[in-house]
Amino acid sequence: MKRSFFVGACSLLVILTGVALLWPDNNEIPHTIAVSGECLTTAPRDKTAITLRVTALADSAAQSMRDATSQMAEITEYLKTLPVQLQTTQFNSYEKTEWNRDEQRSVTLGIETTIAVEVSANSVDEIEQILSQFANKQNVYSENLRMYTSPEVLKPIMEQCLSVAVENARTRANALASGDNKRAGELISVSYNTSANDSVTPTNGLLRTKMVMAASVADTSATGTIVSRDTDVSVSVSAVFEIK
């Protein structure tokens, strides 16, 4: 039995070897070239946003939550009358303490509840109206005033820039391969990195009525409106092409 198995195995080896020799070119590794490509462009900042924060301090957590929730509900009802988008970004309660210098120890002031909502709009005027509406409102604060490019606007611009970066890489591959009378063929693999500085915080140019709300504004005599340049978009790729 052992001898018969050995003979059969040898025959199978001969058959497989013969098959392999029929197509000697199938195992050839294609020639490739790795190059980089870049694209730089801009995207319009089409959104303006601000975060409104409500705080309520009370002796108990339940009362603190009720007070904060009630005040935020009033704010939300007003915001619903405007063409804006709302998103709650913070809701928490915690024990608030402060350092008593006379007693040289930390003392508990009560339970503070904080609720924050992000408000964004297509028009700068809507955000300016909100800032004016809640200026000097007790326990209501604004923060993170900014302009940015929305994902809906940024996505197609980023995708187009990616295509340009790949074509830029192909042009480089063709230039390198032309010395051997070759050209770049099929795109075998690609990896990419993207960046978009899509947010800016205004530092000046807000109306006097908004100075109390906008902590980033230093000059209280400034007049005008928010101004921002476009978003810088950058895409870089590392591509591997087949050389024909």
Protein backbone atom coordinates (compact mmCIF):
# COMPACT_ATOMS: atom_id res chain seq x y z
CA MET A 1 0.00 0.00 0.00
CA LYS A 2 2.79 2.42 0.79
CA ARG A 3 4.48 1.79 -2.55
CA SER A 4 1.26 2.21 -4.50
CA PHE A 5 0.60 5.56 -2.75
CA PHE A 6 4.11 6.75 -3.58
CA VAL A 7 3.74 5.93 -7.26
CA GLY A 8 0.36 7.67 -7.38
CA ALA A 9 1.79 10.74 -5.71
CA CYS A 10 4.64 10.88 -8.20
CA SER A 11 2.21 10.65 -11.10
CA LEU A 12 0.11 13.46 -9.62
CA LEU A 13 3.23 15.59 -9.22
CA VAL A 14 4.15 15.07 -12.86
CA ILE A 15 0.65 16.04 -13.97
CA LEU A 16 0.59 19.20 -11.84
CA THR A 17 4.08 20.16 -13.03
CA GLY A 18 3.00 19.77 -16.63
CA VAL A 19 -0.04 21.98 -16.06
CA ALA A 20 2.07 24.69 -14.47
CA LEU A 21 4.43 24.72 -17.42
CA LEU A 22 1.57 25.34 -19.86
CA TRP A 23 1.05 28.92 -18.56
CA PRO A 24 4.43 30.23 -17.44
CA ASP A 25 3.32 33.89 -17.67
CA ASN A 26 0.42 33.66 -15.16
CA ASN A 27 2.70 34.10 -12.16
CA GLU A 28 4.45 37.19 -13.45
CA ILE A 29 4.24 40.18 -11.08
CA PRO A 30 3.13 43.34 -12.93
CA HIS A 31 5.47 46.32 -12.90
CA THR A 32 4.14 49.13 -10.72
CA ILE A 33 5.04 52.65 -9.71
CA ALA A 34 4.11 54.50 -6.50
CA VAL A 35 3.60 58.25 -6.64
CA SER A 36 1.92 61.01 -4.66
CA GLY A 37 -0.65 63.59 -5.68
CA GLU A 38 -2.14 66.70 -4.09
CA CYS A 39 -5.13 69.00 -4.43
CA LEU A 40 -5.74 72.35 -2.78
CA THR A 41 -9.07 74.16 -3.04
CA THR A 42 -11.59 76.10 -0.96
CA ALA A 43 -15.18 75.67 0.17
CA PRO A 44 -17.61 78.41 1.22
CA ARG A 45 -18.48 78.72 4.89
CA ASP A 46 -22.25 78.50 4.65
CA LYS A 47 -23.18 78.08 8.32
CA THR A 48 -22.96 80.30 11.39
CA ALA A 49 -23.41 78.78 14.83
CA ILE A 50 -23.37 79.62 18.51
CA THR A 51 -23.80 77.62 21.70
CA LEU A 52 -26.33 78.85 24.27
CA ARG A 53 -25.77 77.60 27.81
CA VAL A 54 -28.17 77.75 30.77
CA THR A 55 -27.07 77.20 34.38
CA ALA A 56 -29.27 76.83 37.47
CA LEU A 57 -28.05 76.54 41.08
CA ALA A 58 -30.29 75.11 43.80
CA ASP A 59 -30.12 73.21 47.09
CA SER A 60 -31.24 69.94 45.49
CA ALA A 61 -30.54 68.24 42.20
CA ALA A 62 -34.25 67.95 41.40
CA GLN A 63 -34.88 71.68 41.83
CA SER A 64 -31.74 72.59 39.90
CA MET A 65 -32.80 70.38 36.98
CA ARG A 66 -36.32 71.83 36.98
CA ASP A 67 -35.05 75.40 36.91
CA ALA A 68 -32.54 74.76 34.12
CA THR A 69 -34.99 72.72 32.05
CA SER A 70 -37.70 75.36 32.41
CA GLN A 71 -35.43 78.19 31.27
CA MET A 72 -34.05 76.18 28.35
CA ALA A 73 -37.61 75.30 27.30
CA GLU A 74 -38.40 79.02 27.03
CA ILE A 75 -35.31 79.58 24.91
CA THR A 76 -36.14 76.60 22.69
CA GLU A 77 -39.67 77.82 22.09
CA TYR A 78 -38.31 81.13 20.83
CA LEU A 79 -35.67 79.43 18.65
CA LYS A 80 -38.34 77.27 17.02
CA THR A 81 -39.82 80.42 15.51
CA LEU A 82 -36.59 81.04 13.59
CA PRO A 83 -35.12 79.16 10.60
CA VAL A 84 -32.36 77.56 12.69
CA GLN A 85 -31.22 74.05 13.61
CA LEU A 86 -30.90 72.95 17.25
CA GLN A 87 -28.81 70.25 18.89
CA THR A 88 -28.37 69.65 22.62
CA THR A 89 -24.67 69.28 23.38
CA GLN A 90 -24.60 69.18 27.19
CA PHE A 91 -26.91 68.23 30.07
CA ASN A 92 -25.40 67.48 33.45
CA SER A 93 -25.71 68.23 37.16
CA TYR A 94 -22.88 68.45 39.65
CA GLU A 95 -22.07 69.68 43.12
CA LYS A 96 -20.71 73.20 42.91
CA THR A 97 -18.07 74.22 45.41
CA GLU A 98 -15.78 77.18 46.02
CA TRP A 99 -12.79 77.88 48.22
CA ASN A 100 -13.55 79.86 51.39
CA ARG A 101 -10.46 81.88 52.17
CA ASP A 102 -11.61 82.80 55.66
CA GLU A 103 -12.26 79.21 56.68
CA GLN A 104 -9.47 77.85 54.45
CA ARG A 105 -11.64 75.05 53.14
CA SER A 106 -13.89 74.16 50.24
CA VAL A 107 -17.59 74.83 50.81
CA THR A 108 -20.58 73.48 48.89
CA LEU A 109 -22.79 76.09 47.22
CA GLY A 110 -25.42 73.65 45.98
CA ILE A 111 -26.23 71.56 42.94
CA GLU A 112 -25.74 73.23 39.58
CA THR A 113 -27.34 71.97 36.35
CA THR A 114 -25.97 73.01 32.98
CA ILE A 115 -27.79 72.61 29.67
CA ALA A 116 -26.20 73.69 26.40
CA VAL A 117 -27.70 73.75 22.92
CA GLU A 118 -25.94 74.46 19.63
CA VAL A 119 -27.82 76.78 17.30
CA SER A 120 -26.83 76.94 13.62
CA ALA A 121 -28.28 78.90 10.73
CA ASN A 122 -27.70 79.56 7.06
CA SER A 123 -27.91 83.30 7.65
CA VAL A 124 -25.61 85.34 9.85
CA ASP A 125 -28.54 87.63 10.56
CA GLU A 126 -30.38 84.88 12.45
CA ILE A 127 -27.45 84.34 14.82
CA GLU A 128 -27.12 88.09 15.33
CA GLN A 129 -30.81 88.22 16.24
CA ILE A 130 -30.34 85.45 18.80
CA LEU A 131 -27.36 87.20 20.34
CA SER A 132 -29.39 90.38 20.70
CA GLN A 133 -32.42 88.52 22.09
CA PHE A 134 -30.53 86.89 24.96
CA ALA A 135 -28.03 89.62 25.77
CA ASN A 136 -28.08 90.37 29.55
CA LYS A 137 -30.43 87.42 30.15
CA GLN A 138 -29.75 86.05 33.65
CA ASN A 139 -28.13 82.61 33.77
CA VAL A 140 -27.93 82.44 29.95
CA TYR A 141 -24.50 82.50 28.33
CA SER A 142 -23.22 82.25 24.78
CA GLU A 143 -19.99 80.64 23.65
CA ASN A 144 -18.22 79.17 20.65
CA LEU A 145 -19.49 81.70 18.10
CA ARG A 146 -18.18 80.46 14.75
CA MET A 147 -18.65 80.08 11.01
CA TYR A 148 -18.09 76.76 9.25
CA THR A 149 -18.71 74.73 6.11
CA SER A 150 -21.58 72.29 6.44
CA PRO A 151 -20.96 68.59 5.60
CA GLU A 152 -23.50 68.83 2.77
CA VAL A 153 -21.43 71.53 1.06
CA LEU A 154 -18.01 70.13 1.99
CA LYS A 155 -18.53 66.51 0.86
CA PRO A 156 -18.83 66.99 -2.93
CA ILE A 157 -15.99 69.50 -2.94
CA MET A 158 -13.79 67.05 -1.02
CA GLU A 159 -14.69 64.21 -3.40
CA GLN A 160 -13.87 66.35 -6.45
CA CYS A 161 -10.55 67.36 -4.89
CA LEU A 162 -9.75 63.67 -4.28
CA SER A 163 -10.29 62.94 -7.99
CA VAL A 164 -7.99 65.82 -8.91
CA ALA A 165 -5.30 64.51 -6.54
CA VAL A 166 -5.47 61.03 -8.13
CA GLU A 167 -5.17 62.51 -11.62
CA ASN A 168 -2.24 64.58 -10.40
CA ALA A 169 -0.60 61.35 -9.23
CA ARG A 170 -1.29 59.69 -12.60
CA THR A 171 0.36 62.60 -14.42
CA ARG A 172 3.47 62.16 -12.28
CA ALA A 173 3.46 58.41 -12.92
CA ASN A 174 3.26 58.97 -16.70
CA ALA A 175 6.13 61.46 -16.52
CA LEU A 176 8.33 58.98 -14.64
CA ALA A 177 7.44 56.05 -16.90
CA SER A 178 7.89 57.96 -20.16
CA GLY A 179 11.67 57.53 -19.96
CA ASP A 180 11.19 53.80 -20.63
CA ASN A 181 8.47 54.43 -23.22
CA LYS A 182 5.84 53.23 -20.73
CA ARG A 183 2.69 54.74 -19.30
CA ALA A 184 0.56 54.46 -16.18
CA GLY A 185 -2.22 51.92 -16.50
CA GLU A 186 -4.69 50.60 -13.95
CA LEU A 187 -4.85 52.20 -10.50
CA ILE A 188 -3.97 49.31 -8.18
CA SER A 189 -4.28 50.99 -4.77
CA VAL A 190 -4.65 54.41 -3.23
CA SER A 191 -4.58 55.90 0.26
CA TYR A 192 -5.38 59.49 1.10
CA ASN A 193 -5.39 62.15 3.81
CA THR A 194 -7.75 65.11 3.95
CA SER A 195 -7.89 68.29 5.95
CA ALA A 196 -10.34 71.18 6.07
CA ASN A 197 -10.03 74.19 8.33
CA ASP A 198 -13.80 74.54 8.29
CA SER A 199 -14.42 76.68 11.36
CA VAL A 200 -13.48 80.20 12.33
CA THR A 201 -14.20 82.19 15.48
CA PRO A 202 -14.83 85.90 14.83
CA THR A 203 -12.65 88.21 16.90
CA ASN A 204 -14.20 91.52 15.88
CA GLY A 205 -16.97 93.10 13.89
CA LEU A 206 -19.99 92.38 16.14
CA LEU A 207 -22.59 94.99 16.98
CA ARG A 208 -22.56 96.65 20.39
CA THR A 209 -25.76 94.82 21.43
CA LYS A 210 -23.92 91.51 21.08
CA MET A 211 -20.88 92.36 23.13
CA VAL A 212 -22.28 90.95 26.36
CA MET A 213 -22.97 87.60 24.69
CA ALA A 214 -19.83 87.26 22.56
CA ALA A 215 -16.92 86.73 24.94
CA SER A 216 -14.44 86.60 22.06
CA VAL A 217 -15.04 90.25 21.16
CA ALA A 218 -12.68 92.66 22.93
CA ASP A 219 -13.48 96.01 21.32
CA THR A 220 -16.87 97.18 22.66
CA SER A 221 -16.96 100.07 20.20
CA ALA A 222 -16.89 97.82 17.13
CA THR A 223 -19.74 97.86 14.65
CA GLY A 224 -20.58 95.75 11.63
CA THR A 225 -21.16 92.04 11.09
CA ILE A 226 -19.33 88.71 11.05
CA VAL A 227 -16.90 88.28 8.16
CA SER A 228 -15.07 85.08 7.23
CA ARG A 229 -13.04 83.76 4.31
CA ASP A 230 -13.63 80.37 2.69
CA THR A 231 -12.53 77.03 4.12
CA ASP A 232 -9.15 75.73 2.97
CA VAL A 233 -9.43 72.14 1.71
CA SER A 234 -6.41 69.89 1.21
CA VAL A 235 -6.24 66.30 -0.11
CA SER A 236 -3.06 64.25 -0.54
CA VAL A 237 -2.91 60.73 -1.99
CA SER A 238 -0.40 57.92 -2.29
CA ALA A 239 -1.25 55.92 -5.41
CA VAL A 240 0.15 52.77 -7.03
CA PHE A 241 -0.31 52.35 -10.79
CA GLU A 242 0.44 49.45 -13.10
CA ILE A 243 3.06 50.34 -15.72
CA LYS A 244 2.31 49.27 -19.28
